[in-house]
Amino acid sequence: MSRNNHCYFIFEEILFHPDLGEYTTYGIRVDSNNSDSEFFSVSDVYTSKNNLLLLVQRCNEFQLYPVHLPDVINDFFAMGL
């Protein structure tokens, strides 16, 4: 089996919502180890950096393939983290 060539990172964003105003949120960026460019990103995932960091660490630890990231994010929220 081939080794996953992707690394997951958190990125910070300042966004605006008409009902909330300006708020800080965090997304997940996936970089390919075979390239200097961003491979994939998901914006505005969560407002808690520490909780999202746990998810990103697990993605890296278990060498998650990027195609599975949306499902993993959904499962993350279903677990109530």
C-alpha atoms as a PDB file:
ATOM      1  CA  MET A   1       0.000   0.000   0.000  1.00  0.00           C
ATOM      2  CA  SER A   2       1.334   3.453  -0.861  1.00  0.00           C
ATOM      3  CA  ARG A   3       1.929   6.099   1.774  1.00  0.00           C
ATOM      4  CA  ASN A   4      -0.274   9.201   1.865  1.00  0.00           C
ATOM      5  CA  ASN A   5       1.560  12.256   0.580  1.00  0.00           C
ATOM      6  CA  HIS A   6      -0.570  14.941   2.235  1.00  0.00           C
ATOM      7  CA  CYS A   7      -0.248  17.095   5.352  1.00  0.00           C
ATOM      8  CA  TYR A   8      -3.136  18.803   7.132  1.00  0.00           C
ATOM      9  CA  PHE A   9      -2.910  22.277   8.670  1.00  0.00           C
ATOM     10  CA  ILE A  10      -5.220  24.781  10.347  1.00  0.00           C
ATOM     11  CA  PHE A  11      -5.630  28.249   8.898  1.00  0.00           C
ATOM     12  CA  GLU A  12      -7.298  31.258  10.509  1.00  0.00           C
ATOM     13  CA  GLU A  13      -9.877  33.465   8.828  1.00  0.00           C
ATOM     14  CA  ILE A  14     -11.753  36.614   9.783  1.00  0.00           C
ATOM     15  CA  LEU A  15     -15.216  36.422   8.223  1.00  0.00           C
ATOM     16  CA  PHE A  16     -18.393  38.462   8.379  1.00  0.00           C
ATOM     17  CA  HIS A  17     -21.990  37.313   8.771  1.00  0.00           C
ATOM     18  CA  PRO A  18     -24.881  39.826   8.819  1.00  0.00           C
ATOM     19  CA  ASP A  19     -26.332  38.312  12.012  1.00  0.00           C
ATOM     20  CA  LEU A  20     -23.018  37.779  13.813  1.00  0.00           C
ATOM     21  CA  GLY A  21     -20.794  40.538  12.550  1.00  0.00           C
ATOM     22  CA  GLU A  22     -17.082  39.843  12.187  1.00  0.00           C
ATOM     23  CA  TYR A  23     -15.827  36.573  13.678  1.00  0.00           C
ATOM     24  CA  THR A  24     -12.686  34.459  13.761  1.00  0.00           C
ATOM     25  CA  THR A  25     -12.946  30.941  12.411  1.00  0.00           C
ATOM     26  CA  TYR A  26     -10.557  28.194  11.347  1.00  0.00           C
ATOM     27  CA  GLY A  27     -10.340  26.019   8.276  1.00  0.00           C
ATOM     28  CA  ILE A  28      -8.345  22.984   7.235  1.00  0.00           C
ATOM     29  CA  ARG A  29      -5.755  23.128   4.477  1.00  0.00           C
ATOM     30  CA  VAL A  30      -4.278  20.060   2.846  1.00  0.00           C
ATOM     31  CA  ASP A  31      -0.872  20.342   1.207  1.00  0.00           C
ATOM     32  CA  SER A  32       0.702  17.759  -1.021  1.00  0.00           C
ATOM     33  CA  ASN A  33       4.208  16.666  -0.063  1.00  0.00           C
ATOM     34  CA  ASN A  34       4.909  16.388  -3.793  1.00  0.00           C
ATOM     35  CA  SER A  35       4.220  20.056  -4.536  1.00  0.00           C
ATOM     36  CA  ASP A  36       4.781  23.533  -3.118  1.00  0.00           C
ATOM     37  CA  SER A  37       1.150  24.492  -3.639  1.00  0.00           C
ATOM     38  CA  GLU A  38      -2.029  23.979  -1.663  1.00  0.00           C
ATOM     39  CA  PHE A  39      -3.844  20.820  -2.662  1.00  0.00           C
ATOM     40  CA  PHE A  40      -7.254  21.382  -1.051  1.00  0.00           C
ATOM     41  CA  SER A  41      -8.894  23.464   1.666  1.00  0.00           C
ATOM     42  CA  VAL A  42     -12.142  23.667   3.607  1.00  0.00           C
ATOM     43  CA  SER A  43     -13.019  27.126   4.882  1.00  0.00           C
ATOM     44  CA  ASP A  44     -14.907  28.099   8.057  1.00  0.00           C
ATOM     45  CA  VAL A  45     -14.910  24.658   9.688  1.00  0.00           C
ATOM     46  CA  TYR A  46     -14.959  25.603  13.366  1.00  0.00           C
ATOM     47  CA  THR A  47     -14.481  28.540  15.722  1.00  0.00           C
ATOM     48  CA  SER A  48     -12.485  26.531  18.277  1.00  0.00           C
ATOM     49  CA  LYS A  49      -8.857  26.268  17.206  1.00  0.00           C
ATOM     50  CA  ASN A  50      -7.968  23.773  19.962  1.00  0.00           C
ATOM     51  CA  ASN A  51     -10.747  21.310  19.067  1.00  0.00           C
ATOM     52  CA  LEU A  52      -9.974  21.570  15.370  1.00  0.00           C
ATOM     53  CA  LEU A  53      -6.299  20.970  16.108  1.00  0.00           C
ATOM     54  CA  LEU A  54      -7.216  17.549  17.529  1.00  0.00           C
ATOM     55  CA  LEU A  55      -8.972  16.664  14.289  1.00  0.00           C
ATOM     56  CA  VAL A  56      -6.060  17.852  12.146  1.00  0.00           C
ATOM     57  CA  GLN A  57      -3.581  15.880  14.260  1.00  0.00           C
ATOM     58  CA  ARG A  58      -5.652  12.733  13.748  1.00  0.00           C
ATOM     59  CA  CYS A  59      -5.869  13.342  10.003  1.00  0.00           C
ATOM     60  CA  ASN A  60      -2.079  13.519   9.869  1.00  0.00           C
ATOM     61  CA  GLU A  61      -1.560  10.602  12.256  1.00  0.00           C
ATOM     62  CA  PHE A  62      -3.849   8.267  10.323  1.00  0.00           C
ATOM     63  CA  GLN A  63      -2.723   9.599   6.926  1.00  0.00           C
ATOM     64  CA  LEU A  64      -6.241  10.493   5.827  1.00  0.00           C
ATOM     65  CA  TYR A  65      -6.753  10.745   2.091  1.00  0.00           C
ATOM     66  CA  PRO A  66      -8.208  14.191   1.231  1.00  0.00           C
ATOM     67  CA  VAL A  67     -11.235  12.682  -0.489  1.00  0.00           C
ATOM     68  CA  HIS A  68     -12.435  11.564   2.957  1.00  0.00           C
ATOM     69  CA  LEU A  69     -12.046  14.944   4.685  1.00  0.00           C
ATOM     70  CA  PRO A  70     -15.679  16.126   4.241  1.00  0.00           C
ATOM     71  CA  ASP A  71     -16.974  12.898   5.811  1.00  0.00           C
ATOM     72  CA  VAL A  72     -14.482  13.147   8.666  1.00  0.00           C
ATOM     73  CA  ILE A  73     -15.552  16.743   9.360  1.00  0.00           C
ATOM     74  CA  ASN A  74     -19.214  15.653   9.429  1.00  0.00           C
ATOM     75  CA  ASP A  75     -18.384  12.810  11.814  1.00  0.00           C
ATOM     76  CA  PHE A  76     -16.398  15.222  13.998  1.00  0.00           C
ATOM     77  CA  PHE A  77     -19.483  17.380  14.511  1.00  0.00           C
ATOM     78  CA  ALA A  78     -21.779  14.374  14.943  1.00  0.00           C
ATOM     79  CA  MET A  79     -19.612  13.295  17.905  1.00  0.00           C
ATOM     80  CA  GLY A  80     -20.311  16.655  19.536  1.00  0.00           C
ATOM     81  CA  LEU A  81     -16.723  17.869  19.812  1.00  0.00           C
END
